[in-house]
Amino acid sequence: MKRISLVLFALMLFTTWQCAKKGPMLPLTKKWEKVVPQQEVPAGLPSLKAADCGICHPSHYEEWKLSTHAHAWSDLQFQAELKKESSPFMCINCHIPLQNQQEYIVKGLIDGDIYQPVREKNPLFDPELQKEGITCAACHVRDNVIIGPTGGNGNLPHPVVKDTVHLSSENLCINCHNAVAVLTPELACTFETGDEWKAGPFADEKDCKSCHMEPITREIMPGFGEKLTHRHYFTGSGIPKFDTVQTTVLNGLAFYPSEVLETYQAGEPLNYNFRAKNEHAGHRVPTGDPERFILFHFTLFDVAGDTLKHLTERIGEEWEWYPEAKKLTDNNLDPGEEVNYRFTPVLQDTGQYRMLVRVEKHRLNKANAEYNKLGDHYPLYIEILNREYTFKVSAEETAGGANP
């Protein structure tokens, strides 16, 4: 008996030494380390799921389903990043913001180390709610009650608490769309849209919702009369998360192409000018994920369809991620900033010509997509402009009209 007691005592000493060796558990202090606390189902609702909200709010629900918010968790690129050893625990907090959606509760960090979270199983974890990503309750449920911009009266199926401060862009949108931190030498969060908006010309006039949640007067619930509300597409880049889903697109750029004549003289340059201006966005373009970029393609074809001349221009950031994360170049456009591209091939031979001008928004480059094994059904880009011109080149000097 005495020997068993000594063994148990030795085990206790060893466990205590191991804990001391690991260091103390420090509390979570940074906003991106924290999750929205567990929420009970508010009175009058069957659950926190978006489909149940959609029973009474069908328009809002159908719009949300077209948003990239609805696919924030299932996004293949995000899931590929999560599987990497360098991925820390807090990355999920913007993609599934509710504690109800997370399998584990993080109590703190050993020695403050983001790679040593102290976890315990979440007994109220809802795997179906997790699939919804940034769902209705992520914005509209706090302290177990529903929050709205105007509140409600006793005739509603459930109580609604008015809280415009909570629903402001500052409190909701910017929490995730302005995650800026160097976590380790090779891991940096660099989502700076909020800072870009605050530094821009529209900060005192418009907020995120002004553009990305278009105001509309309609019925919030069938039979309850029209009132001012907002679209819930959360319209952004327009690049869907899967090739089987749709989403809506919002372009910050405005395009001003020069004219193309119907006839040119042999030996004359084309002299095509294409101006792109960040005219509509209150932040830089592109913004958000630093892997995003925009390509401008200018291609000249002969009558047989062969390429005679091609020019590609790019705006976006370029980063080196290993061994240390650092930005190499950045030519994103500030609000109101513009670029001018000139396409000036010399038209040597007579005959018919065709020119194609295309602008594409890209989520990430093909090499990174292949490295992350994203497959063939993950859209990497969308086309936001496609303009074709036809003209002829003559041996004789002529004054041709212009293509629109």
Protein backbone atom coordinates (compact mmCIF):
# COMPACT_ATOMS: atom_id res chain seq x y z
CA MET A 1 0.00 0.00 0.00
CA LYS A 2 2.84 2.33 0.93
CA ARG A 3 4.57 1.60 -2.43
CA ILE A 4 1.35 2.43 -4.37
CA SER A 5 1.06 5.75 -2.50
CA LEU A 6 4.63 6.62 -3.41
CA VAL A 7 3.97 5.84 -7.07
CA LEU A 8 0.83 8.02 -7.09
CA PHE A 9 2.74 10.82 -5.38
CA ALA A 10 5.49 10.57 -7.98
CA LEU A 11 2.92 10.74 -10.78
CA MET A 12 1.37 13.86 -9.22
CA LEU A 13 4.79 15.50 -9.00
CA PHE A 14 5.55 14.61 -12.62
CA THR A 15 2.19 16.03 -13.80
CA THR A 16 2.77 19.22 -11.83
CA TRP A 17 6.27 19.54 -13.32
CA GLN A 18 4.91 18.99 -16.83
CA CYS A 19 2.28 21.73 -16.37
CA ALA A 20 4.89 24.10 -15.00
CA LYS A 21 7.13 23.27 -17.92
CA LYS A 22 4.35 24.13 -20.37
CA GLY A 23 3.72 27.45 -18.72
CA PRO A 24 0.55 29.14 -17.48
CA MET A 25 -2.68 29.36 -19.42
CA LEU A 26 -3.18 32.97 -20.41
CA PRO A 27 -6.60 34.41 -21.32
CA LEU A 28 -7.66 35.35 -24.85
CA THR A 29 -7.16 39.08 -25.27
CA LYS A 30 -7.27 39.96 -28.97
CA LYS A 31 -10.60 40.39 -30.73
CA TRP A 32 -9.82 37.84 -33.44
CA GLU A 33 -9.10 35.21 -30.77
CA LYS A 34 -12.64 35.43 -29.43
CA VAL A 35 -15.87 33.97 -30.72
CA VAL A 36 -19.47 35.16 -30.29
CA PRO A 37 -20.58 33.44 -27.05
CA GLN A 38 -23.00 30.53 -27.10
CA GLN A 39 -26.50 31.71 -28.01
CA GLU A 40 -29.77 30.12 -26.97
CA VAL A 41 -32.62 29.98 -29.48
CA PRO A 42 -34.58 33.24 -29.04
CA ALA A 43 -38.24 33.04 -28.07
CA GLY A 44 -40.48 32.46 -31.08
CA LEU A 45 -37.85 30.71 -33.23
CA PRO A 46 -37.55 26.95 -33.84
CA SER A 47 -33.76 27.17 -34.22
CA LEU A 48 -30.87 29.46 -35.19
CA LYS A 49 -30.70 28.01 -38.70
CA ALA A 50 -31.07 30.28 -41.72
CA ALA A 51 -33.78 28.09 -43.29
CA ASP A 52 -36.00 28.70 -40.27
CA CYS A 53 -35.42 32.45 -40.54
CA GLY A 54 -36.38 32.11 -44.20
CA ILE A 55 -39.85 30.85 -43.35
CA CYS A 56 -40.88 34.41 -42.45
CA HIS A 57 -38.14 36.28 -44.33
CA PRO A 58 -38.02 34.48 -47.70
CA SER A 59 -36.46 37.33 -49.69
CA HIS A 60 -33.65 37.84 -47.20
CA TYR A 61 -33.02 34.09 -47.07
CA GLU A 62 -32.88 33.66 -50.85
CA GLU A 63 -30.45 36.58 -51.11
CA TRP A 64 -28.22 35.21 -48.34
CA LYS A 65 -28.02 31.86 -50.13
CA LEU A 66 -26.43 33.67 -53.12
CA SER A 67 -23.84 35.34 -50.90
CA THR A 68 -20.28 34.17 -50.33
CA HIS A 69 -21.08 34.53 -46.59
CA ALA A 70 -23.23 31.40 -46.92
CA HIS A 71 -20.18 29.48 -48.15
CA ALA A 72 -17.60 30.97 -45.80
CA TRP A 73 -17.05 27.62 -44.05
CA SER A 74 -17.32 25.30 -47.04
CA ASP A 75 -14.96 27.44 -49.18
CA LEU A 76 -12.37 25.00 -50.54
CA GLN A 77 -9.50 27.45 -50.31
CA PHE A 78 -10.27 28.16 -46.66
CA GLN A 79 -10.58 24.45 -45.85
CA ALA A 80 -7.22 23.81 -47.54
CA GLU A 81 -5.60 26.51 -45.41
CA LEU A 82 -7.13 25.05 -42.24
CA LYS A 83 -5.45 21.70 -42.87
CA LYS A 84 -1.98 23.26 -42.83
CA GLU A 85 0.15 22.97 -39.69
CA SER A 86 0.70 26.72 -39.77
CA SER A 87 -3.04 27.41 -39.43
CA PRO A 88 -3.84 28.71 -35.92
CA PHE A 89 -7.10 28.12 -34.06
CA MET A 90 -8.56 31.62 -34.48
CA CYS A 91 -8.87 31.59 -38.28
CA ILE A 92 -12.28 29.94 -38.01
CA ASN A 93 -13.72 32.78 -35.93
CA CYS A 94 -14.58 34.91 -38.96
CA HIS A 95 -15.88 31.99 -41.03
CA ILE A 96 -18.10 30.48 -38.31
CA PRO A 97 -18.47 33.34 -35.80
CA LEU A 98 -20.88 31.69 -33.31
CA GLN A 99 -19.66 29.42 -30.52
CA ASN A 100 -22.67 27.24 -31.41
CA GLN A 101 -20.94 26.51 -34.74
CA GLN A 102 -17.59 25.47 -33.27
CA GLU A 103 -16.73 21.98 -32.10
CA TYR A 104 -14.37 23.18 -29.36
CA ILE A 105 -14.36 25.97 -26.82
CA VAL A 106 -10.96 27.63 -26.50
CA LYS A 107 -10.39 28.62 -22.87
CA GLY A 108 -6.98 30.26 -23.24
CA LEU A 109 -3.44 29.85 -24.56
CA ILE A 110 -0.50 28.13 -22.89
CA ASP A 111 2.10 30.86 -22.44
CA GLY A 112 0.03 32.99 -24.83
CA ASP A 113 1.11 30.76 -27.73
CA ILE A 114 -1.49 30.69 -30.54
CA TYR A 115 -0.38 27.14 -31.38
CA GLN A 116 -1.13 25.91 -27.85
CA PRO A 117 -4.83 26.58 -27.30
CA VAL A 118 -6.50 24.98 -24.30
CA ARG A 119 -9.66 23.38 -25.73
CA GLU A 120 -12.64 21.56 -24.38
CA LYS A 121 -15.47 19.88 -26.27
CA ASN A 122 -18.46 22.13 -26.94
CA PRO A 123 -21.50 20.20 -25.65
CA LEU A 124 -23.84 22.44 -27.65
CA PHE A 125 -21.97 22.23 -30.97
CA ASP A 126 -24.39 22.28 -33.94
CA PRO A 127 -22.73 20.71 -37.02
CA GLU A 128 -25.61 21.74 -39.31
CA LEU A 129 -25.36 25.36 -38.21
CA GLN A 130 -21.61 25.20 -38.82
CA LYS A 131 -22.19 24.48 -42.52
CA GLU A 132 -24.03 27.81 -42.87
CA GLY A 133 -20.87 29.85 -42.37
CA ILE A 134 -21.78 33.47 -41.71
CA THR A 135 -25.43 32.81 -41.05
CA CYS A 136 -28.34 35.07 -39.99
CA ALA A 137 -27.73 34.60 -36.27
CA ALA A 138 -24.09 35.64 -36.63
CA CYS A 139 -25.29 39.23 -37.01
CA HIS A 140 -28.84 39.24 -35.67
CA VAL A 141 -28.67 37.24 -32.42
CA ARG A 142 -26.91 38.42 -29.27
CA ASP A 143 -27.61 37.69 -25.61
CA ASN A 144 -30.21 35.16 -26.78
CA VAL A 145 -32.44 37.78 -28.44
CA ILE A 146 -32.99 38.91 -32.03
CA ILE A 147 -31.51 42.28 -32.96
CA GLY A 148 -32.86 44.46 -35.75
CA PRO A 149 -32.37 48.02 -37.03
CA THR A 150 -35.89 49.20 -36.09
CA GLY A 151 -37.05 46.93 -33.30
CA GLY A 152 -40.58 45.57 -33.31
CA ASN A 153 -43.97 45.56 -31.67
CA GLY A 154 -46.14 42.99 -29.95
CA ASN A 155 -47.65 41.76 -33.21
CA LEU A 156 -44.42 40.07 -34.32
CA PRO A 157 -43.90 36.30 -34.01
CA HIS A 158 -40.81 36.98 -31.92
CA PRO A 159 -39.44 39.96 -29.97
CA VAL A 160 -36.90 42.20 -31.75
CA VAL A 161 -34.47 44.46 -29.89
CA LYS A 162 -33.39 47.64 -31.71
CA ASP A 163 -29.64 48.13 -31.72
CA THR A 164 -28.21 50.09 -34.64
CA VAL A 165 -24.80 50.34 -32.97
CA HIS A 166 -24.42 46.57 -32.89
CA LEU A 167 -25.55 46.30 -36.52
CA SER A 168 -23.19 49.04 -37.70
CA SER A 169 -20.42 48.39 -40.20
CA GLU A 170 -17.89 49.31 -37.54
CA ASN A 171 -19.05 46.56 -35.19
CA LEU A 172 -19.91 43.80 -37.63
CA CYS A 173 -18.25 44.14 -41.04
CA ILE A 174 -14.92 45.58 -39.99
CA ASN A 175 -14.38 43.02 -37.23
CA CYS A 176 -13.51 40.47 -39.90
CA HIS A 177 -12.77 42.62 -42.93
CA ASN A 178 -9.98 44.41 -41.14
CA ALA A 179 -7.94 41.59 -39.61
CA VAL A 180 -4.38 42.90 -39.65
CA ALA A 181 -1.73 41.11 -37.61
CA VAL A 182 1.66 39.42 -37.98
CA LEU A 183 1.10 36.24 -35.96
CA THR A 184 4.38 34.48 -36.73
CA PRO A 185 7.18 35.37 -39.17
CA GLU A 186 5.58 33.28 -41.92
CA LEU A 187 1.93 33.93 -40.99
CA ALA A 188 0.31 37.32 -41.48
CA CYS A 189 -3.32 38.39 -41.66
CA THR A 190 -3.56 41.31 -44.02
CA PHE A 191 -7.21 42.14 -44.61
CA GLU A 192 -7.19 45.94 -44.54
CA THR A 193 -10.50 46.95 -46.12
CA GLY A 194 -11.69 48.75 -43.00
CA ASP A 195 -8.56 50.87 -42.75
CA GLU A 196 -8.74 51.61 -46.48
CA TRP A 197 -12.35 52.80 -46.12
CA LYS A 198 -11.51 55.00 -43.11
CA ALA A 199 -8.65 56.61 -45.05
CA GLY A 200 -10.75 57.08 -48.17
CA PRO A 201 -12.98 59.94 -49.34
CA PHE A 202 -16.32 58.31 -48.44
CA ALA A 203 -15.73 57.46 -44.77
CA ASP A 204 -17.97 60.31 -43.58
CA GLU A 205 -20.65 59.70 -46.21
CA LYS A 206 -21.04 55.97 -46.71
CA ASP A 207 -20.29 52.76 -44.85
CA CYS A 208 -19.98 49.13 -45.92
CA LYS A 209 -23.76 48.61 -46.02
CA SER A 210 -24.28 51.59 -48.34
CA CYS A 211 -22.74 49.62 -51.22
CA HIS A 212 -22.68 45.97 -50.17
CA MET A 213 -26.19 45.89 -48.68
CA GLU A 214 -28.25 48.01 -51.06
CA PRO A 215 -31.18 49.74 -49.31
CA ILE A 216 -34.62 48.75 -50.55
CA THR A 217 -38.20 49.40 -49.45
CA ARG A 218 -40.10 46.12 -49.23
CA GLU A 219 -41.93 43.80 -46.88
CA ILE A 220 -39.64 42.32 -44.27
CA MET A 221 -42.33 39.72 -43.63
CA PRO A 222 -45.29 38.95 -45.91
CA GLY A 223 -48.38 40.78 -44.73
CA PHE A 224 -46.57 43.19 -42.40
CA GLY A 225 -46.27 46.17 -44.76
CA GLU A 226 -43.31 47.69 -46.52
CA LYS A 227 -40.43 49.39 -44.75
CA LEU A 228 -36.83 50.29 -45.45
CA THR A 229 -34.51 47.30 -45.31
CA HIS A 230 -31.37 46.09 -47.07
CA ARG A 231 -30.44 43.47 -49.62
CA HIS A 232 -28.66 40.48 -48.10
CA TYR A 233 -26.53 39.37 -51.05
CA PHE A 234 -23.49 40.98 -49.36
CA THR A 235 -22.40 41.70 -52.91
CA GLY A 236 -18.64 41.69 -53.41
CA SER A 237 -16.10 40.38 -55.91
CA GLY A 238 -18.70 38.19 -57.59
CA ILE A 239 -16.40 35.14 -57.77
CA PRO A 240 -18.54 32.21 -56.57
CA LYS A 241 -17.15 29.61 -54.17
CA PHE A 242 -18.26 26.71 -56.39
CA ASP A 243 -19.04 26.45 -60.07
CA THR A 244 -22.49 25.12 -59.16
CA VAL A 245 -23.60 28.26 -57.29
CA GLN A 246 -24.30 31.84 -58.26
CA THR A 247 -23.44 35.08 -56.53
CA THR A 248 -23.77 38.78 -57.26
CA VAL A 249 -21.00 41.11 -58.37
CA LEU A 250 -20.06 44.68 -57.47
CA ASN A 251 -17.41 46.44 -59.53
CA GLY A 252 -15.45 49.33 -58.11
CA LEU A 253 -13.76 49.99 -61.43
CA ALA A 254 -15.12 52.14 -64.24
CA PHE A 255 -13.68 51.68 -67.74
CA TYR A 256 -12.97 54.35 -70.35
CA PRO A 257 -11.68 52.83 -73.59
CA SER A 258 -10.63 54.97 -76.54
CA GLU A 259 -12.27 54.67 -79.94
CA VAL A 260 -11.18 52.19 -82.59
CA LEU A 261 -11.53 53.32 -86.21
CA GLU A 262 -13.24 51.20 -88.82
CA THR A 263 -10.28 51.64 -91.21
CA TYR A 264 -6.55 52.21 -90.71
CA GLN A 265 -3.68 52.71 -93.16
CA ALA A 266 -0.99 50.04 -93.51
CA GLY A 267 2.03 50.88 -91.33
CA GLU A 268 -0.08 52.92 -88.90
CA PRO A 269 -0.10 52.08 -85.15
CA LEU A 270 -3.41 51.17 -83.54
CA ASN A 271 -2.94 53.66 -80.66
CA TYR A 272 -5.57 52.15 -78.38
CA ASN A 273 -5.84 53.64 -74.89
CA PHE A 274 -7.70 51.97 -72.02
CA ARG A 275 -8.30 53.85 -68.77
CA ALA A 276 -9.54 52.10 -65.63
CA LYS A 277 -10.53 54.11 -62.56
CA ASN A 278 -11.49 53.09 -59.03
CA GLU A 279 -14.58 55.22 -59.27
CA HIS A 280 -17.15 53.36 -57.17
CA ALA A 281 -15.34 51.73 -54.23
CA GLY A 282 -14.66 53.41 -50.91
CA HIS A 283 -11.62 51.16 -50.44
CA ARG A 284 -8.74 50.02 -52.61
CA VAL A 285 -9.29 47.73 -55.60
CA PRO A 286 -8.71 44.87 -55.31
CA THR A 287 -9.14 44.62 -51.55
CA GLY A 288 -9.35 41.93 -48.88
CA ASP A 289 -7.43 38.74 -49.51
CA PRO A 290 -3.91 39.74 -50.64
CA GLU A 291 -3.94 36.96 -53.27
CA ARG A 292 -6.62 38.76 -55.31
CA PHE A 293 -5.65 40.53 -58.52
CA ILE A 294 -7.16 41.95 -61.71
CA LEU A 295 -5.88 41.23 -65.21
CA PHE A 296 -6.33 43.36 -68.33
CA HIS A 297 -5.89 41.48 -71.64
CA PHE A 298 -5.47 43.17 -75.03
CA THR A 299 -5.23 40.81 -78.02
CA LEU A 300 -4.98 41.51 -81.76
CA PHE A 301 -6.01 38.78 -84.23
CA ASP A 302 -5.76 38.53 -88.00
CA VAL A 303 -8.58 37.36 -90.25
CA ALA A 304 -7.58 33.71 -89.73
CA GLY A 305 -7.88 34.10 -85.96
CA ASP A 306 -4.15 33.90 -85.26
CA THR A 307 -2.77 36.09 -82.48
CA LEU A 308 -0.60 38.91 -83.81
CA LYS A 309 0.01 40.81 -80.58
CA HIS A 310 -0.95 40.34 -76.95
CA LEU A 311 -0.54 42.52 -73.85
CA THR A 312 -1.47 41.66 -70.26
CA GLU A 313 -1.43 44.17 -67.40
CA ARG A 314 -2.02 43.41 -63.70
CA ILE A 315 -3.10 45.25 -60.58
CA GLY A 316 -2.83 43.61 -57.17
CA GLU A 317 -0.33 42.74 -54.47
CA GLU A 318 2.49 40.21 -54.70
CA TRP A 319 3.73 38.47 -51.57
CA GLU A 320 6.48 36.13 -50.50
CA TRP A 321 5.12 33.83 -47.80
CA TYR A 322 8.16 31.78 -46.84
CA PRO A 323 10.46 31.88 -44.91
CA GLU A 324 8.98 35.21 -43.88
CA ALA A 325 5.70 36.80 -44.97
CA LYS A 326 6.41 40.07 -46.71
CA LYS A 327 4.77 42.18 -49.38
CA LEU A 328 6.91 42.53 -52.50
CA THR A 329 4.80 44.83 -54.66
CA ASP A 330 1.45 46.61 -54.43
CA ASN A 331 -0.25 48.59 -57.18
CA ASN A 332 -3.83 48.31 -55.92
CA LEU A 333 -5.85 51.39 -56.82
CA ASP A 334 -6.85 53.87 -54.13
CA PRO A 335 -10.34 55.38 -54.34
CA GLY A 336 -10.34 57.80 -57.27
CA GLU A 337 -7.01 56.49 -58.61
CA GLU A 338 -6.72 55.39 -62.22
CA VAL A 339 -4.39 53.56 -64.58
CA ASN A 340 -3.88 53.99 -68.33
CA TYR A 341 -2.80 51.16 -70.58
CA ARG A 342 -1.70 51.67 -74.18
CA PHE A 343 -1.91 48.98 -76.82
CA THR A 344 -0.04 50.18 -79.90
CA PRO A 345 0.75 47.39 -82.34
CA VAL A 346 1.79 48.57 -85.82
CA LEU A 347 -0.70 47.38 -88.45
CA GLN A 348 1.68 46.25 -91.20
CA ASP A 349 -0.49 44.21 -93.53
CA THR A 350 -3.74 45.04 -95.25
CA GLY A 351 -6.86 43.03 -94.47
CA GLN A 352 -9.39 42.43 -91.70
CA TYR A 353 -8.42 42.54 -88.02
CA ARG A 354 -10.11 41.80 -84.73
CA MET A 355 -9.18 43.09 -81.26
CA LEU A 356 -10.42 41.62 -78.00
CA VAL A 357 -10.27 43.50 -74.68
CA ARG A 358 -10.97 41.51 -71.53
CA VAL A 359 -10.83 42.32 -67.81
CA GLU A 360 -10.81 39.53 -65.21
CA LYS A 361 -11.10 39.46 -61.42
CA HIS A 362 -8.96 36.67 -59.92
CA ARG A 363 -9.26 35.08 -56.49
CA LEU A 364 -5.78 33.52 -56.60
CA ASN A 365 -3.35 32.31 -59.21
CA LYS A 366 -3.46 28.87 -60.79
CA ALA A 367 -0.21 27.69 -59.20
CA ASN A 368 -1.51 28.31 -55.67
CA ALA A 369 -4.83 26.67 -56.53
CA GLU A 370 -3.00 23.55 -57.74
CA TYR A 371 -0.74 23.56 -54.66
CA ASN A 372 -3.84 23.58 -52.44
CA LYS A 373 -5.51 20.86 -54.58
CA LEU A 374 -8.65 22.94 -55.11
CA GLY A 375 -9.77 20.95 -58.14
CA ASP A 376 -11.57 21.91 -61.33
CA HIS A 377 -14.82 23.08 -59.73
CA TYR A 378 -13.41 25.99 -57.76
CA PRO A 379 -13.74 29.17 -59.85
CA LEU A 380 -10.52 31.17 -59.81
CA TYR A 381 -11.81 34.23 -61.66
CA ILE A 382 -14.72 35.92 -63.38
CA GLU A 383 -14.76 38.12 -66.46
CA ILE A 384 -16.07 41.64 -65.83
CA LEU A 385 -15.48 43.14 -69.29
CA ASN A 386 -15.37 41.61 -72.76
CA ARG A 387 -15.28 43.99 -75.71
CA GLU A 388 -14.56 43.08 -79.32
CA TYR A 389 -13.61 45.44 -82.15
CA THR A 390 -13.33 44.68 -85.87
CA PHE A 391 -11.60 46.91 -88.41
CA LYS A 392 -9.66 46.73 -91.66
CA VAL A 393 -6.27 47.96 -92.80
CA SER A 394 -6.08 49.51 -96.24
CA ALA A 395 -3.14 50.35 -98.48
CA GLU A 396 -4.71 53.68 -99.25
CA GLU A 397 -5.10 56.52 -96.78
CA THR A 398 -8.73 56.66 -95.66
CA ALA A 399 -10.60 58.34 -92.87
CA GLY A 400 -12.65 55.60 -91.28
CA GLY A 401 -15.41 56.00 -88.73
CA ALA A 402 -15.03 54.77 -85.15
CA ASN A 403 -16.14 51.57 -83.50
CA PRO A 404 -18.22 52.25 -80.41
